[in-house]
Amino acid sequence: MAQIKVTLVNSPIGRIPAQRKTVVALGLGKLGSSVVKPDNAAVRGMVNSISHLVKVEEA
């Protein structure tokens, strides 16, 4: 199963509440924090909604 590594590179401070909740739902906290998630439609949709805040790599 393919996985992706999501890294928070910009702050969610000042963003709309839905974007801040998406960052938390992905398990990202501080700037520079990373999580490895399965590469599926649900996770890709979350990442696409906050693509300006995160960096995505293949894991």
N, C-alpha and C. Protein backbone atom coordinates (compact mmCIF):
# COMPACT_ATOMS: atom_id res chain seq x y z
N MET A 1 0.84 -1.18 0.00
CA MET A 1 0.00 0.00 0.00
C MET A 1 0.88 1.24 0.00
N ALA A 2 0.59 2.15 -0.88
CA ALA A 2 1.38 3.37 -0.99
C ALA A 2 1.09 4.30 0.19
N GLN A 3 2.11 5.03 0.58
CA GLN A 3 1.97 5.99 1.67
C GLN A 3 2.58 7.31 1.27
N ILE A 4 2.08 8.39 1.89
CA ILE A 4 2.62 9.72 1.65
C ILE A 4 3.06 10.33 2.97
N LYS A 5 4.10 11.16 2.89
CA LYS A 5 4.59 11.89 4.06
C LYS A 5 4.14 13.34 3.91
N VAL A 6 3.40 13.83 4.90
CA VAL A 6 2.86 15.19 4.88
C VAL A 6 3.59 16.00 5.93
N THR A 7 4.16 17.14 5.53
CA THR A 7 4.93 18.01 6.43
C THR A 7 4.30 19.39 6.45
N LEU A 8 4.09 19.93 7.64
CA LEU A 8 3.53 21.27 7.80
C LEU A 8 4.65 22.30 7.58
N VAL A 9 4.50 23.15 6.57
CA VAL A 9 5.55 24.13 6.25
C VAL A 9 5.09 25.57 6.46
N ASN A 10 3.79 25.82 6.54
CA ASN A 10 3.28 27.17 6.81
C ASN A 10 2.30 27.10 7.98
N SER A 11 2.18 28.18 8.71
CA SER A 11 1.35 28.22 9.90
C SER A 11 -0.14 28.29 9.56
N PRO A 12 -0.97 27.54 10.30
CA PRO A 12 -2.42 27.65 10.11
C PRO A 12 -3.03 28.84 10.85
N ILE A 13 -2.22 29.61 11.56
CA ILE A 13 -2.73 30.78 12.28
C ILE A 13 -3.27 31.78 11.26
N GLY A 14 -4.47 32.27 11.51
CA GLY A 14 -5.09 33.24 10.63
C GLY A 14 -5.85 32.62 9.47
N ARG A 15 -5.85 31.31 9.36
CA ARG A 15 -6.60 30.62 8.30
C ARG A 15 -8.02 30.37 8.77
N ILE A 16 -8.88 29.99 7.84
CA ILE A 16 -10.27 29.71 8.22
C ILE A 16 -10.31 28.48 9.12
N PRO A 17 -11.30 28.40 10.01
CA PRO A 17 -11.35 27.29 10.97
C PRO A 17 -11.34 25.90 10.34
N ALA A 18 -11.95 25.73 9.20
CA ALA A 18 -11.97 24.41 8.56
C ALA A 18 -10.56 23.96 8.20
N GLN A 19 -9.71 24.89 7.77
CA GLN A 19 -8.33 24.54 7.42
C GLN A 19 -7.52 24.20 8.66
N ARG A 20 -7.75 24.93 9.75
CA ARG A 20 -7.04 24.63 11.00
C ARG A 20 -7.45 23.25 11.52
N LYS A 21 -8.72 22.91 11.42
CA LYS A 21 -9.20 21.61 11.87
C LYS A 21 -8.64 20.49 11.00
N THR A 22 -8.46 20.75 9.71
CA THR A 22 -7.89 19.74 8.82
C THR A 22 -6.44 19.46 9.20
N VAL A 23 -5.68 20.50 9.55
CA VAL A 23 -4.29 20.33 9.98
C VAL A 23 -4.25 19.44 11.22
N VAL A 24 -5.12 19.70 12.18
CA VAL A 24 -5.16 18.90 13.41
C VAL A 24 -5.60 17.47 13.11
N ALA A 25 -6.60 17.30 12.23
CA ALA A 25 -7.11 15.98 11.90
C ALA A 25 -6.05 15.11 11.23
N LEU A 26 -5.13 15.74 10.51
CA LEU A 26 -4.04 14.99 9.89
C LEU A 26 -2.96 14.63 10.91
N GLY A 27 -3.02 15.21 12.09
CA GLY A 27 -2.04 14.90 13.13
C GLY A 27 -0.83 15.81 13.12
N LEU A 28 -0.96 16.96 12.47
CA LEU A 28 0.14 17.91 12.40
C LEU A 28 0.00 18.94 13.50
N GLY A 29 1.10 19.25 14.17
CA GLY A 29 1.06 20.21 15.27
C GLY A 29 1.90 21.42 14.96
N LYS A 30 3.18 21.33 15.30
CA LYS A 30 4.10 22.44 15.11
C LYS A 30 4.60 22.49 13.67
N LEU A 31 5.14 23.64 13.30
CA LEU A 31 5.77 23.77 11.99
C LEU A 31 6.91 22.77 11.87
N GLY A 32 6.99 22.12 10.73
CA GLY A 32 8.03 21.14 10.51
C GLY A 32 7.65 19.74 10.92
N SER A 33 6.50 19.59 11.58
CA SER A 33 6.09 18.24 11.99
C SER A 33 5.62 17.46 10.76
N SER A 34 5.83 16.15 10.79
CA SER A 34 5.49 15.29 9.66
C SER A 34 4.72 14.07 10.14
N VAL A 35 3.87 13.56 9.26
CA VAL A 35 3.14 12.32 9.52
C VAL A 35 3.14 11.50 8.24
N VAL A 36 3.08 10.19 8.40
CA VAL A 36 2.97 9.30 7.24
C VAL A 36 1.56 8.75 7.24
N LYS A 37 0.86 8.96 6.13
CA LYS A 37 -0.53 8.56 5.99
C LYS A 37 -0.68 7.66 4.76
N PRO A 38 -1.72 6.83 4.74
CA PRO A 38 -1.98 6.02 3.54
C PRO A 38 -2.40 6.92 2.39
N ASP A 39 -2.01 6.54 1.20
CA ASP A 39 -2.33 7.33 0.01
C ASP A 39 -3.69 6.88 -0.51
N ASN A 40 -4.75 7.49 0.03
CA ASN A 40 -6.09 7.17 -0.44
C ASN A 40 -6.85 8.47 -0.72
N ALA A 41 -8.06 8.33 -1.23
CA ALA A 41 -8.83 9.50 -1.65
C ALA A 41 -9.15 10.44 -0.49
N ALA A 42 -9.45 9.88 0.69
CA ALA A 42 -9.80 10.72 1.83
C ALA A 42 -8.63 11.60 2.26
N VAL A 43 -7.45 11.00 2.37
CA VAL A 43 -6.27 11.76 2.79
C VAL A 43 -5.87 12.75 1.71
N ARG A 44 -5.93 12.34 0.45
CA ARG A 44 -5.60 13.26 -0.64
C ARG A 44 -6.52 14.47 -0.66
N GLY A 45 -7.80 14.26 -0.37
CA GLY A 45 -8.74 15.38 -0.31
C GLY A 45 -8.40 16.35 0.80
N MET A 46 -8.01 15.81 1.96
CA MET A 46 -7.61 16.67 3.08
C MET A 46 -6.36 17.46 2.72
N VAL A 47 -5.41 16.79 2.11
CA VAL A 47 -4.16 17.45 1.73
C VAL A 47 -4.42 18.52 0.67
N ASN A 48 -5.30 18.25 -0.28
CA ASN A 48 -5.60 19.23 -1.32
C ASN A 48 -6.26 20.48 -0.74
N SER A 49 -7.04 20.33 0.33
CA SER A 49 -7.71 21.49 0.91
C SER A 49 -6.74 22.41 1.66
N ILE A 50 -5.59 21.88 2.06
CA ILE A 50 -4.58 22.70 2.75
C ILE A 50 -3.24 22.63 2.03
N SER A 51 -3.27 22.50 0.72
CA SER A 51 -2.04 22.31 -0.06
C SER A 51 -1.08 23.49 0.08
N HIS A 52 -1.59 24.68 0.41
CA HIS A 52 -0.73 25.85 0.57
C HIS A 52 -0.01 25.85 1.92
N LEU A 53 -0.37 24.91 2.81
CA LEU A 53 0.25 24.85 4.13
C LEU A 53 1.21 23.67 4.29
N VAL A 54 1.13 22.68 3.38
CA VAL A 54 1.87 21.45 3.57
C VAL A 54 2.75 21.11 2.36
N LYS A 55 3.71 20.22 2.61
CA LYS A 55 4.55 19.65 1.55
C LYS A 55 4.29 18.15 1.58
N VAL A 56 4.10 17.54 0.41
CA VAL A 56 3.77 16.13 0.32
C VAL A 56 4.89 15.40 -0.43
N GLU A 57 5.30 14.25 0.13
CA GLU A 57 6.33 13.40 -0.50
C GLU A 57 5.87 11.97 -0.46
N GLU A 58 6.39 11.15 -1.37
CA GLU A 58 6.14 9.70 -1.30
C GLU A 58 6.96 9.14 -0.14
N ALA A 59 6.36 8.23 0.61
CA ALA A 59 7.08 7.64 1.75
C ALA A 59 7.41 6.19 1.49
